[in-house]
Amino acid sequence: MARVREIIRADRHLTIREVAEVVRIVFGMCQKVLTEDLQMRSVTAKFVSRLVTAEQDDRVSICIDLRDRAQNDPNFMSSVITGDECWVYGYDPQTKQMSSQWSTSSSP
């Protein structure tokens, strides 16, 4: 059981089958250890919080700085130059299975 816990902590995206292969136990026993003994469940990505990337963190810092300047300097907005921008986002679609993670009942 401790080995299964270590493996899941290292990579929460592993499937039951992958964990069972690493630990060399049958699928049903691995499923029982995860769900009953460790009280874990698989949660899809839309419910799993994501870490903020460095670029997103920089954007937040810049926005906070601009907000503070706008609040403290009444003439600040007259010096801002605006333009029309087009944002294009790209992403790699994942299957529901690929995006799921294991979590405990005490996990956020």
C-alpha atoms as a PDB file:
ATOM      1  CA  MET A   1       0.000   0.000   0.000  1.00  0.00           C
ATOM      2  CA  ALA A   2       2.827   2.421   0.806  1.00  0.00           C
ATOM      3  CA  ARG A   3       4.414   1.713  -2.579  1.00  0.00           C
ATOM      4  CA  VAL A   4       1.141   2.538  -4.372  1.00  0.00           C
ATOM      5  CA  ARG A   5       0.892   5.815  -2.430  1.00  0.00           C
ATOM      6  CA  GLU A   6       4.468   6.784  -3.422  1.00  0.00           C
ATOM      7  CA  ILE A   7       3.822   6.033  -7.083  1.00  0.00           C
ATOM      8  CA  ILE A   8       0.595   8.078  -7.154  1.00  0.00           C
ATOM      9  CA  ARG A   9       2.277  11.013  -5.377  1.00  0.00           C
ATOM     10  CA  ALA A  10       5.010  10.975  -8.022  1.00  0.00           C
ATOM     11  CA  ASP A  11       2.503  11.061 -10.918  1.00  0.00           C
ATOM     12  CA  ARG A  12      -1.210  11.537 -10.264  1.00  0.00           C
ATOM     13  CA  HIS A  13      -2.079  10.999 -13.941  1.00  0.00           C
ATOM     14  CA  LEU A  14      -1.313   7.277 -13.881  1.00  0.00           C
ATOM     15  CA  THR A  15      -4.134   4.839 -14.523  1.00  0.00           C
ATOM     16  CA  ILE A  16      -4.938   1.906 -12.248  1.00  0.00           C
ATOM     17  CA  ARG A  17      -3.525  -0.454 -14.863  1.00  0.00           C
ATOM     18  CA  GLU A  18      -0.212   1.461 -15.020  1.00  0.00           C
ATOM     19  CA  VAL A  19       0.143   1.505 -11.227  1.00  0.00           C
ATOM     20  CA  ALA A  20      -0.697  -2.212 -11.047  1.00  0.00           C
ATOM     21  CA  GLU A  21       2.026  -2.976 -13.611  1.00  0.00           C
ATOM     22  CA  VAL A  22       4.660  -0.998 -11.693  1.00  0.00           C
ATOM     23  CA  VAL A  23       3.771  -2.563  -8.335  1.00  0.00           C
ATOM     24  CA  ARG A  24       3.178  -5.967  -9.964  1.00  0.00           C
ATOM     25  CA  ILE A  25      -0.233  -6.654  -8.469  1.00  0.00           C
ATOM     26  CA  VAL A  26      -3.503  -7.480 -10.187  1.00  0.00           C
ATOM     27  CA  PHE A  27      -5.792  -4.693 -11.406  1.00  0.00           C
ATOM     28  CA  GLY A  28      -8.576  -5.415  -8.885  1.00  0.00           C
ATOM     29  CA  MET A  29      -6.245  -5.356  -5.893  1.00  0.00           C
ATOM     30  CA  CYS A  30      -4.681  -2.080  -7.073  1.00  0.00           C
ATOM     31  CA  GLN A  31      -8.144  -0.564  -7.547  1.00  0.00           C
ATOM     32  CA  LYS A  32      -9.138  -1.666  -4.013  1.00  0.00           C
ATOM     33  CA  VAL A  33      -5.964  -0.155  -2.501  1.00  0.00           C
ATOM     34  CA  LEU A  34      -6.506   3.168  -4.284  1.00  0.00           C
ATOM     35  CA  THR A  35     -10.223   3.555  -3.675  1.00  0.00           C
ATOM     36  CA  GLU A  36     -10.824   1.840  -0.338  1.00  0.00           C
ATOM     37  CA  ASP A  37      -7.527   1.804   1.560  1.00  0.00           C
ATOM     38  CA  LEU A  38      -6.149   5.164   0.384  1.00  0.00           C
ATOM     39  CA  GLN A  39      -9.612   6.756  -0.064  1.00  0.00           C
ATOM     40  CA  MET A  40      -8.663   8.166  -3.487  1.00  0.00           C
ATOM     41  CA  ARG A  41     -10.806   8.839  -6.521  1.00  0.00           C
ATOM     42  CA  SER A  42     -10.115   9.866 -10.075  1.00  0.00           C
ATOM     43  CA  VAL A  43     -11.080  13.467 -10.842  1.00  0.00           C
ATOM     44  CA  THR A  44     -11.295  14.925 -14.351  1.00  0.00           C
ATOM     45  CA  ALA A  45      -9.208  17.954 -15.295  1.00  0.00           C
ATOM     46  CA  LYS A  46     -12.065  20.434 -15.261  1.00  0.00           C
ATOM     47  CA  PHE A  47     -12.199  19.966 -11.496  1.00  0.00           C
ATOM     48  CA  VAL A  48      -8.420  19.931 -10.930  1.00  0.00           C
ATOM     49  CA  SER A  49      -6.736  23.247 -10.268  1.00  0.00           C
ATOM     50  CA  ARG A  50      -3.840  24.131 -12.525  1.00  0.00           C
ATOM     51  CA  LEU A  51      -0.536  25.721 -11.665  1.00  0.00           C
ATOM     52  CA  VAL A  52       0.041  29.197 -13.035  1.00  0.00           C
ATOM     53  CA  THR A  53       2.836  29.371 -15.594  1.00  0.00           C
ATOM     54  CA  ALA A  54       5.633  31.937 -15.296  1.00  0.00           C
ATOM     55  CA  GLU A  55       4.176  33.875 -18.239  1.00  0.00           C
ATOM     56  CA  GLN A  56       0.729  34.010 -16.616  1.00  0.00           C
ATOM     57  CA  ASP A  57       2.311  35.094 -13.331  1.00  0.00           C
ATOM     58  CA  ASP A  58       4.093  37.935 -15.170  1.00  0.00           C
ATOM     59  CA  ARG A  59       0.801  39.030 -16.731  1.00  0.00           C
ATOM     60  CA  VAL A  60      -0.860  39.142 -13.309  1.00  0.00           C
ATOM     61  CA  SER A  61       2.002  41.240 -11.919  1.00  0.00           C
ATOM     62  CA  ILE A  62       1.790  43.673 -14.844  1.00  0.00           C
ATOM     63  CA  CYS A  63      -1.993  44.013 -14.465  1.00  0.00           C
ATOM     64  CA  ILE A  64      -1.677  44.687 -10.743  1.00  0.00           C
ATOM     65  CA  ASP A  65       1.005  47.296 -11.428  1.00  0.00           C
ATOM     66  CA  LEU A  66      -1.170  49.012 -14.062  1.00  0.00           C
ATOM     67  CA  ARG A  67      -4.183  48.984 -11.737  1.00  0.00           C
ATOM     68  CA  ASP A  68      -2.151  50.544  -8.923  1.00  0.00           C
ATOM     69  CA  ARG A  69      -0.794  53.233 -11.254  1.00  0.00           C
ATOM     70  CA  ALA A  70      -4.287  54.043 -12.519  1.00  0.00           C
ATOM     71  CA  GLN A  71      -5.578  54.375  -8.941  1.00  0.00           C
ATOM     72  CA  ASN A  72      -2.664  56.521  -7.717  1.00  0.00           C
ATOM     73  CA  ASP A  73      -2.144  58.797 -10.730  1.00  0.00           C
ATOM     74  CA  PRO A  74      -5.247  60.566 -12.087  1.00  0.00           C
ATOM     75  CA  ASN A  75      -3.424  61.393 -15.365  1.00  0.00           C
ATOM     76  CA  PHE A  76      -2.141  57.870 -15.973  1.00  0.00           C
ATOM     77  CA  MET A  77      -4.987  56.771 -18.264  1.00  0.00           C
ATOM     78  CA  SER A  78      -4.406  59.736 -20.585  1.00  0.00           C
ATOM     79  CA  SER A  79      -0.896  58.390 -21.288  1.00  0.00           C
ATOM     80  CA  VAL A  80      -2.081  54.883 -22.207  1.00  0.00           C
ATOM     81  CA  ILE A  81      -2.053  54.026 -25.904  1.00  0.00           C
ATOM     82  CA  THR A  82      -4.552  51.386 -26.949  1.00  0.00           C
ATOM     83  CA  GLY A  83      -4.866  49.343 -30.082  1.00  0.00           C
ATOM     84  CA  ASP A  84      -6.849  46.523 -31.565  1.00  0.00           C
ATOM     85  CA  GLU A  85      -5.332  43.120 -30.940  1.00  0.00           C
ATOM     86  CA  CYS A  86      -6.240  39.629 -31.998  1.00  0.00           C
ATOM     87  CA  TRP A  87      -5.518  36.830 -29.544  1.00  0.00           C
ATOM     88  CA  VAL A  88      -5.093  33.333 -30.887  1.00  0.00           C
ATOM     89  CA  TYR A  89      -4.849  30.427 -28.488  1.00  0.00           C
ATOM     90  CA  GLY A  90      -3.610  26.957 -29.320  1.00  0.00           C
ATOM     91  CA  TYR A  91      -4.062  23.838 -27.267  1.00  0.00           C
ATOM     92  CA  ASP A  92      -3.587  20.110 -27.477  1.00  0.00           C
ATOM     93  CA  PRO A  93      -6.902  18.412 -26.833  1.00  0.00           C
ATOM     94  CA  GLN A  94      -6.761  15.577 -24.329  1.00  0.00           C
ATOM     95  CA  THR A  95      -9.150  12.770 -23.740  1.00  0.00           C
ATOM     96  CA  LYS A  96     -11.026  12.719 -20.459  1.00  0.00           C
ATOM     97  CA  GLN A  97      -8.907   9.739 -19.378  1.00  0.00           C
ATOM     98  CA  MET A  98      -5.657  11.557 -20.161  1.00  0.00           C
ATOM     99  CA  SER A  99      -6.621  14.619 -18.134  1.00  0.00           C
ATOM    100  CA  SER A 100      -7.833  12.832 -14.988  1.00  0.00           C
ATOM    101  CA  GLN A 101      -5.838  12.819 -11.758  1.00  0.00           C
ATOM    102  CA  TRP A 102      -6.001  10.912  -8.489  1.00  0.00           C
ATOM    103  CA  SER A 103      -6.958  12.905  -5.403  1.00  0.00           C
ATOM    104  CA  THR A 104      -7.836  12.244  -1.793  1.00  0.00           C
ATOM    105  CA  SER A 105     -10.942  13.501  -0.050  1.00  0.00           C
ATOM    106  CA  SER A 106      -8.856  16.188   1.667  1.00  0.00           C
ATOM    107  CA  SER A 107      -7.394  17.486  -1.617  1.00  0.00           C
ATOM    108  CA  PRO A 108      -8.683  20.852  -2.865  1.00  0.00           C
END
